[in-house]
Amino acid sequence: MNNSLWFEGLTDAVGFLGGSLLGFGLGQLFGLDIFDQGYSNSVIGGIVLVGLGGGLALQAVRRWRHSLSVKDQVP
């Protein structure tokens, strides 16, 4: 099942969404509201944290999935 496209898509989506939510929560903790009016520094900072959280979590999930496939191939 590790090589199926379904598993790959599901883990990518969960990783990106989870990381984005963590970035959003971290931004809220720092007082950065992405839904505030205008494009102030706090809004841009919050958007950056959401993007970084989603991207880093997606890369972490892909590395984890790659390590699973490597373990399956080693005799």
PDB file of N, CA and C in Angstrom:
ATOM      1  N   MET A   1       0.811  -1.194   0.000  1.00  0.00           N
ATOM      2  CA  MET A   1       0.000   0.000   0.000  1.00  0.00           C
ATOM      3  C   MET A   1       0.856   1.262   0.000  1.00  0.00           C
ATOM      4  N   ASN A   2       2.107   1.178   0.404  1.00  0.00           N
ATOM      5  CA  ASN A   2       2.942   2.367   0.522  1.00  0.00           C
ATOM      6  C   ASN A   2       3.213   3.034  -0.815  1.00  0.00           C
ATOM      7  N   ASN A   3       3.140   2.284  -1.908  1.00  0.00           N
ATOM      8  CA  ASN A   3       3.451   2.875  -3.208  1.00  0.00           C
ATOM      9  C   ASN A   3       2.205   3.343  -3.946  1.00  0.00           C
ATOM     10  N   SER A   4       1.043   3.226  -3.353  1.00  0.00           N
ATOM     11  CA  SER A   4      -0.171   3.610  -4.071  1.00  0.00           C
ATOM     12  C   SER A   4      -0.311   5.133  -4.117  1.00  0.00           C
ATOM     13  N   LEU A   5      -0.909   5.597  -5.172  1.00  0.00           N
ATOM     14  CA  LEU A   5      -1.126   7.038  -5.336  1.00  0.00           C
ATOM     15  C   LEU A   5      -2.096   7.583  -4.295  1.00  0.00           C
ATOM     16  N   TRP A   6      -3.003   6.767  -3.864  1.00  0.00           N
ATOM     17  CA  TRP A   6      -3.976   7.149  -2.842  1.00  0.00           C
ATOM     18  C   TRP A   6      -3.254   7.479  -1.550  1.00  0.00           C
ATOM     19  N   PHE A   7      -2.358   6.604  -1.125  1.00  0.00           N
ATOM     20  CA  PHE A   7      -1.594   6.811   0.103  1.00  0.00           C
ATOM     21  C   PHE A   7      -0.724   8.058  -0.014  1.00  0.00           C
ATOM     22  N   GLU A   8      -0.120   8.241  -1.173  1.00  0.00           N
ATOM     23  CA  GLU A   8       0.731   9.411  -1.392  1.00  0.00           C
ATOM     24  C   GLU A   8      -0.075  10.705  -1.320  1.00  0.00           C
ATOM     25  N   GLY A   9      -1.208  10.740  -1.988  1.00  0.00           N
ATOM     26  CA  GLY A   9      -2.041  11.933  -1.976  1.00  0.00           C
ATOM     27  C   GLY A   9      -2.608  12.243  -0.601  1.00  0.00           C
ATOM     28  N   LEU A  10      -3.034  11.204   0.094  1.00  0.00           N
ATOM     29  CA  LEU A  10      -3.602  11.396   1.427  1.00  0.00           C
ATOM     30  C   LEU A  10      -2.556  11.903   2.416  1.00  0.00           C
ATOM     31  N   THR A  11      -1.365  11.329   2.392  1.00  0.00           N
ATOM     32  CA  THR A  11      -0.330  11.773   3.316  1.00  0.00           C
ATOM     33  C   THR A  11       0.160  13.175   2.978  1.00  0.00           C
ATOM     34  N   ASP A  12       0.235  13.511   1.687  1.00  0.00           N
ATOM     35  CA  ASP A  12       0.602  14.879   1.298  1.00  0.00           C
ATOM     36  C   ASP A  12      -0.422  15.882   1.816  1.00  0.00           C
ATOM     37  N   ALA A  13      -1.700  15.560   1.641  1.00  0.00           N
ATOM     38  CA  ALA A  13      -2.756  16.474   2.072  1.00  0.00           C
ATOM     39  C   ALA A  13      -2.767  16.644   3.587  1.00  0.00           C
ATOM     40  N   VAL A  14      -2.640  15.550   4.311  1.00  0.00           N
ATOM     41  CA  VAL A  14      -2.643  15.622   5.774  1.00  0.00           C
ATOM     42  C   VAL A  14      -1.424  16.385   6.274  1.00  0.00           C
ATOM     43  N   GLY A  15      -0.276  16.145   5.670  1.00  0.00           N
ATOM     44  CA  GLY A  15       0.936  16.851   6.071  1.00  0.00           C
ATOM     45  C   GLY A  15       0.846  18.339   5.821  1.00  0.00           C
ATOM     46  N   PHE A  16       0.384  18.714   4.625  1.00  0.00           N
ATOM     47  CA  PHE A  16       0.297  20.134   4.292  1.00  0.00           C
ATOM     48  C   PHE A  16      -0.737  20.833   5.166  1.00  0.00           C
ATOM     49  N   LEU A  17      -1.897  20.217   5.336  1.00  0.00           N
ATOM     50  CA  LEU A  17      -2.943  20.839   6.140  1.00  0.00           C
ATOM     51  C   LEU A  17      -2.530  20.946   7.608  1.00  0.00           C
ATOM     52  N   GLY A  18      -1.939  19.875   8.129  1.00  0.00           N
ATOM     53  CA  GLY A  18      -1.484  19.910   9.518  1.00  0.00           C
ATOM     54  C   GLY A  18      -0.407  20.955   9.749  1.00  0.00           C
ATOM     55  N   GLY A  19       0.536  21.051   8.843  1.00  0.00           N
ATOM     56  CA  GLY A  19       1.593  22.046   8.966  1.00  0.00           C
ATOM     57  C   GLY A  19       1.072  23.467   8.837  1.00  0.00           C
ATOM     58  N   SER A  20       0.113  23.658   7.943  1.00  0.00           N
ATOM     59  CA  SER A  20      -0.488  24.980   7.790  1.00  0.00           C
ATOM     60  C   SER A  20      -1.228  25.388   9.056  1.00  0.00           C
ATOM     61  N   LEU A  21      -1.941  24.440   9.652  1.00  0.00           N
ATOM     62  CA  LEU A  21      -2.656  24.743  10.895  1.00  0.00           C
ATOM     63  C   LEU A  21      -1.682  25.030  12.043  1.00  0.00           C
ATOM     64  N   LEU A  22      -0.572  24.309  12.071  1.00  0.00           N
ATOM     65  CA  LEU A  22       0.441  24.601  13.084  1.00  0.00           C
ATOM     66  C   LEU A  22       1.051  25.987  12.879  1.00  0.00           C
ATOM     67  N   GLY A  23       1.308  26.349  11.625  1.00  0.00           N
ATOM     68  CA  GLY A  23       1.815  27.682  11.325  1.00  0.00           C
ATOM     69  C   GLY A  23       0.815  28.767  11.683  1.00  0.00           C
ATOM     70  N   PHE A  24      -0.450  28.504  11.424  1.00  0.00           N
ATOM     71  CA  PHE A  24      -1.499  29.448  11.785  1.00  0.00           C
ATOM     72  C   PHE A  24      -1.569  29.613  13.305  1.00  0.00           C
ATOM     73  N   GLY A  25      -1.514  28.493  14.027  1.00  0.00           N
ATOM     74  CA  GLY A  25      -1.544  28.549  15.485  1.00  0.00           C
ATOM     75  C   GLY A  25      -0.350  29.284  16.060  1.00  0.00           C
ATOM     76  N   LEU A  26       0.806  29.058  15.477  1.00  0.00           N
ATOM     77  CA  LEU A  26       2.008  29.766  15.919  1.00  0.00           C
ATOM     78  C   LEU A  26       1.878  31.263  15.658  1.00  0.00           C
ATOM     79  N   GLY A  27       1.307  31.607  14.513  1.00  0.00           N
ATOM     80  CA  GLY A  27       1.071  33.014  14.208  1.00  0.00           C
ATOM     81  C   GLY A  27       0.093  33.654  15.192  1.00  0.00           C
ATOM     82  N   GLN A  28      -0.945  32.924  15.551  1.00  0.00           N
ATOM     83  CA  GLN A  28      -1.901  33.437  16.534  1.00  0.00           C
ATOM     84  C   GLN A  28      -1.234  33.626  17.888  1.00  0.00           C
ATOM     85  N   LEU A  29      -0.336  32.711  18.231  1.00  0.00           N
ATOM     86  CA  LEU A  29       0.394  32.809  19.488  1.00  0.00           C
ATOM     87  C   LEU A  29       1.263  34.067  19.518  1.00  0.00           C
ATOM     88  N   PHE A  30       1.832  34.431  18.381  1.00  0.00           N
ATOM     89  CA  PHE A  30       2.661  35.624  18.275  1.00  0.00           C
ATOM     90  C   PHE A  30       1.850  36.891  17.996  1.00  0.00           C
ATOM     91  N   GLY A  31       0.533  36.748  17.841  1.00  0.00           N
ATOM     92  CA  GLY A  31      -0.317  37.906  17.578  1.00  0.00           C
ATOM     93  C   GLY A  31      -0.385  38.302  16.121  1.00  0.00           C
ATOM     94  N   LEU A  32      -0.108  37.378  15.216  1.00  0.00           N
ATOM     95  CA  LEU A  32      -0.150  37.655  13.782  1.00  0.00           C
ATOM     96  C   LEU A  32      -1.450  37.095  13.215  1.00  0.00           C
ATOM     97  N   ASP A  33      -2.357  37.968  12.801  1.00  0.00           N
ATOM     98  CA  ASP A  33      -3.667  37.538  12.320  1.00  0.00           C
ATOM     99  C   ASP A  33      -3.719  37.655  10.806  1.00  0.00           C
ATOM    100  N   ILE A  34      -3.848  36.527  10.117  1.00  0.00           N
ATOM    101  CA  ILE A  34      -3.863  36.553   8.654  1.00  0.00           C
ATOM    102  C   ILE A  34      -5.183  37.077   8.100  1.00  0.00           C
ATOM    103  N   PHE A  35      -6.215  37.148   8.934  1.00  0.00           N
ATOM    104  CA  PHE A  35      -7.523  37.600   8.469  1.00  0.00           C
ATOM    105  C   PHE A  35      -7.801  39.063   8.810  1.00  0.00           C
ATOM    106  N   ASP A  36      -6.785  39.768   9.270  1.00  0.00           N
ATOM    107  CA  ASP A  36      -6.939  41.192   9.576  1.00  0.00           C
ATOM    108  C   ASP A  36      -7.079  41.974   8.269  1.00  0.00           C
ATOM    109  N   GLN A  37      -7.654  43.166   8.333  1.00  0.00           N
ATOM    110  CA  GLN A  37      -7.836  43.964   7.123  1.00  0.00           C
ATOM    111  C   GLN A  37      -6.508  44.538   6.639  1.00  0.00           C
ATOM    112  N   GLY A  38      -6.381  44.614   5.327  1.00  0.00           N
ATOM    113  CA  GLY A  38      -5.189  45.203   4.725  1.00  0.00           C
ATOM    114  C   GLY A  38      -4.028  44.229   4.684  1.00  0.00           C
ATOM    115  N   TYR A  39      -2.878  44.766   4.304  1.00  0.00           N
ATOM    116  CA  TYR A  39      -1.658  43.962   4.212  1.00  0.00           C
ATOM    117  C   TYR A  39      -0.598  44.564   5.116  1.00  0.00           C
ATOM    118  N   SER A  40      -0.847  44.535   6.406  1.00  0.00           N
ATOM    119  CA  SER A  40       0.135  45.044   7.361  1.00  0.00           C
ATOM    120  C   SER A  40       1.233  44.000   7.563  1.00  0.00           C
ATOM    121  N   ASN A  41       2.255  44.370   8.299  1.00  0.00           N
ATOM    122  CA  ASN A  41       3.358  43.438   8.555  1.00  0.00           C
ATOM    123  C   ASN A  41       2.894  42.203   9.312  1.00  0.00           C
ATOM    124  N   SER A  42       1.937  42.362  10.219  1.00  0.00           N
ATOM    125  CA  SER A  42       1.459  41.207  10.979  1.00  0.00           C
ATOM    126  C   SER A  42       0.692  40.230  10.085  1.00  0.00           C
ATOM    127  N   VAL A  43      -0.042  40.760   9.107  1.00  0.00           N
ATOM    128  CA  VAL A  43      -0.765  39.893   8.185  1.00  0.00           C
ATOM    129  C   VAL A  43       0.228  39.122   7.303  1.00  0.00           C
ATOM    130  N   ILE A  44       1.197  39.818   6.765  1.00  0.00           N
ATOM    131  CA  ILE A  44       2.200  39.170   5.906  1.00  0.00           C
ATOM    132  C   ILE A  44       2.995  38.136   6.710  1.00  0.00           C
ATOM    133  N   GLY A  45       3.371  38.476   7.939  1.00  0.00           N
ATOM    134  CA  GLY A  45       4.089  37.525   8.787  1.00  0.00           C
ATOM    135  C   GLY A  45       3.273  36.280   9.058  1.00  0.00           C
ATOM    136  N   GLY A  46       1.971  36.442   9.303  1.00  0.00           N
ATOM    137  CA  GLY A  46       1.103  35.295   9.526  1.00  0.00           C
ATOM    138  C   GLY A  46       0.981  34.419   8.293  1.00  0.00           C
ATOM    139  N   ILE A  47       0.859  35.057   7.128  1.00  0.00           N
ATOM    140  CA  ILE A  47       0.779  34.303   5.871  1.00  0.00           C
ATOM    141  C   ILE A  47       2.069  33.531   5.628  1.00  0.00           C
ATOM    142  N   VAL A  48       3.198  34.148   5.933  1.00  0.00           N
ATOM    143  CA  VAL A  48       4.496  33.475   5.763  1.00  0.00           C
ATOM    144  C   VAL A  48       4.587  32.256   6.684  1.00  0.00           C
ATOM    145  N   LEU A  49       4.136  32.399   7.938  1.00  0.00           N
ATOM    146  CA  LEU A  49       4.176  31.264   8.861  1.00  0.00           C
ATOM    147  C   LEU A  49       3.283  30.113   8.393  1.00  0.00           C
ATOM    148  N   VAL A  50       2.116  30.435   7.862  1.00  0.00           N
ATOM    149  CA  VAL A  50       1.220  29.392   7.341  1.00  0.00           C
ATOM    150  C   VAL A  50       1.881  28.676   6.163  1.00  0.00           C
ATOM    151  N   GLY A  51       2.480  29.436   5.262  1.00  0.00           N
ATOM    152  CA  GLY A  51       3.149  28.836   4.107  1.00  0.00           C
ATOM    153  C   GLY A  51       4.353  27.997   4.492  1.00  0.00           C
ATOM    154  N   LEU A  52       5.156  28.504   5.413  1.00  0.00           N
ATOM    155  CA  LEU A  52       6.325  27.744   5.869  1.00  0.00           C
ATOM    156  C   LEU A  52       5.907  26.468   6.599  1.00  0.00           C
ATOM    157  N   GLY A  53       4.890  26.584   7.436  1.00  0.00           N
ATOM    158  CA  GLY A  53       4.417  25.403   8.161  1.00  0.00           C
ATOM    159  C   GLY A  53       3.920  24.329   7.215  1.00  0.00           C
ATOM    160  N   GLY A  54       3.123  24.722   6.231  1.00  0.00           N
ATOM    161  CA  GLY A  54       2.605  23.757   5.265  1.00  0.00           C
ATOM    162  C   GLY A  54       3.704  23.137   4.420  1.00  0.00           C
ATOM    163  N   GLY A  55       4.626  23.961   3.943  1.00  0.00           N
ATOM    164  CA  GLY A  55       5.710  23.449   3.096  1.00  0.00           C
ATOM    165  C   GLY A  55       6.673  22.547   3.839  1.00  0.00           C
ATOM    166  N   LEU A  56       7.042  22.941   5.058  1.00  0.00           N
ATOM    167  CA  LEU A  56       7.975  22.114   5.840  1.00  0.00           C
ATOM    168  C   LEU A  56       7.342  20.790   6.250  1.00  0.00           C
ATOM    169  N   ALA A  57       6.070  20.832   6.622  1.00  0.00           N
ATOM    170  CA  ALA A  57       5.391  19.586   6.998  1.00  0.00           C
ATOM    171  C   ALA A  57       5.226  18.670   5.789  1.00  0.00           C
ATOM    172  N   LEU A  58       4.940  19.241   4.627  1.00  0.00           N
ATOM    173  CA  LEU A  58       4.820  18.441   3.411  1.00  0.00           C
ATOM    174  C   LEU A  58       6.144  17.754   3.088  1.00  0.00           C
ATOM    175  N   GLN A  59       7.255  18.481   3.203  1.00  0.00           N
ATOM    176  CA  GLN A  59       8.560  17.881   2.951  1.00  0.00           C
ATOM    177  C   GLN A  59       8.889  16.803   3.978  1.00  0.00           C
ATOM    178  N   ALA A  60       8.505  17.017   5.229  1.00  0.00           N
ATOM    179  CA  ALA A  60       8.741  16.011   6.272  1.00  0.00           C
ATOM    180  C   ALA A  60       7.956  14.738   5.989  1.00  0.00           C
ATOM    181  N   VAL A  61       6.714  14.882   5.540  1.00  0.00           N
ATOM    182  CA  VAL A  61       5.901  13.710   5.217  1.00  0.00           C
ATOM    183  C   VAL A  61       6.489  12.971   4.023  1.00  0.00           C
ATOM    184  N   ARG A  62       6.971  13.703   3.045  1.00  0.00           N
ATOM    185  CA  ARG A  62       7.562  13.042   1.873  1.00  0.00           C
ATOM    186  C   ARG A  62       8.848  12.299   2.239  1.00  0.00           C
ATOM    187  N   ARG A  63       9.648  12.874   3.121  1.00  0.00           N
ATOM    188  CA  ARG A  63      10.857  12.169   3.577  1.00  0.00           C
ATOM    189  C   ARG A  63      10.483  10.919   4.365  1.00  0.00           C
ATOM    190  N   TRP A  64       9.450  11.034   5.220  1.00  0.00           N
ATOM    191  CA  TRP A  64       8.981   9.874   5.989  1.00  0.00           C
ATOM    192  C   TRP A  64       8.488   8.778   5.056  1.00  0.00           C
ATOM    193  N   ARG A  65       7.707   9.161   4.023  1.00  0.00           N
ATOM    194  CA  ARG A  65       7.180   8.177   3.081  1.00  0.00           C
ATOM    195  C   ARG A  65       8.312   7.532   2.283  1.00  0.00           C
ATOM    196  N   HIS A  66       9.337   8.319   1.941  1.00  0.00           N
ATOM    197  CA  HIS A  66      10.490   7.761   1.226  1.00  0.00           C
ATOM    198  C   HIS A  66      11.235   6.765   2.100  1.00  0.00           C
ATOM    199  N   SER A  67      11.363   7.070   3.397  1.00  0.00           N
ATOM    200  CA  SER A  67      12.046   6.130   4.286  1.00  0.00           C
ATOM    201  C   SER A  67      11.274   4.819   4.422  1.00  0.00           C
ATOM    202  N   LEU A  68       9.944   4.894   4.343  1.00  0.00           N
ATOM    203  CA  LEU A  68       9.154   3.669   4.382  1.00  0.00           C
ATOM    204  C   LEU A  68       9.407   2.816   3.147  1.00  0.00           C
ATOM    205  N   SER A  69       9.504   3.466   1.978  1.00  0.00           N
ATOM    206  CA  SER A  69       9.714   2.704   0.742  1.00  0.00           C
ATOM    207  C   SER A  69      11.120   2.124   0.684  1.00  0.00           C
ATOM    208  N   VAL A  70      12.097   2.816   1.275  1.00  0.00           N
ATOM    209  CA  VAL A  70      13.465   2.291   1.308  1.00  0.00           C
ATOM    210  C   VAL A  70      13.533   1.072   2.230  1.00  0.00           C
ATOM    211  N   LYS A  71      12.850   1.136   3.368  1.00  0.00           N
ATOM    212  CA  LYS A  71      12.832  -0.011   4.293  1.00  0.00           C
ATOM    213  C   LYS A  71      12.179  -1.225   3.658  1.00  0.00           C
ATOM    214  N   ASP A  72      11.159  -0.999   2.810  1.00  0.00           N
ATOM    215  CA  ASP A  72      10.487  -2.110   2.142  1.00  0.00           C
ATOM    216  C   ASP A  72      11.365  -2.771   1.102  1.00  0.00           C
ATOM    217  N   GLN A  73      12.306  -2.034   0.514  1.00  0.00           N
ATOM    218  CA  GLN A  73      13.140  -2.581  -0.562  1.00  0.00           C
ATOM    219  C   GLN A  73      14.396  -3.275  -0.056  1.00  0.00           C
ATOM    220  N   VAL A  74      14.834  -2.958   1.153  1.00  0.00           N
ATOM    221  CA  VAL A  74      16.048  -3.567   1.695  1.00  0.00           C
ATOM    222  C   VAL A  74      15.720  -4.984   2.171  1.00  0.00           C
ATOM    223  N   PRO A  75      16.527  -5.971   1.727  1.00  0.00           N
ATOM    224  CA  PRO A  75      16.227  -7.362   2.129  1.00  0.00           C
ATOM    225  C   PRO A  75      16.541  -7.646   3.576  1.00  0.00           C
TER     226      PRO A  75
END
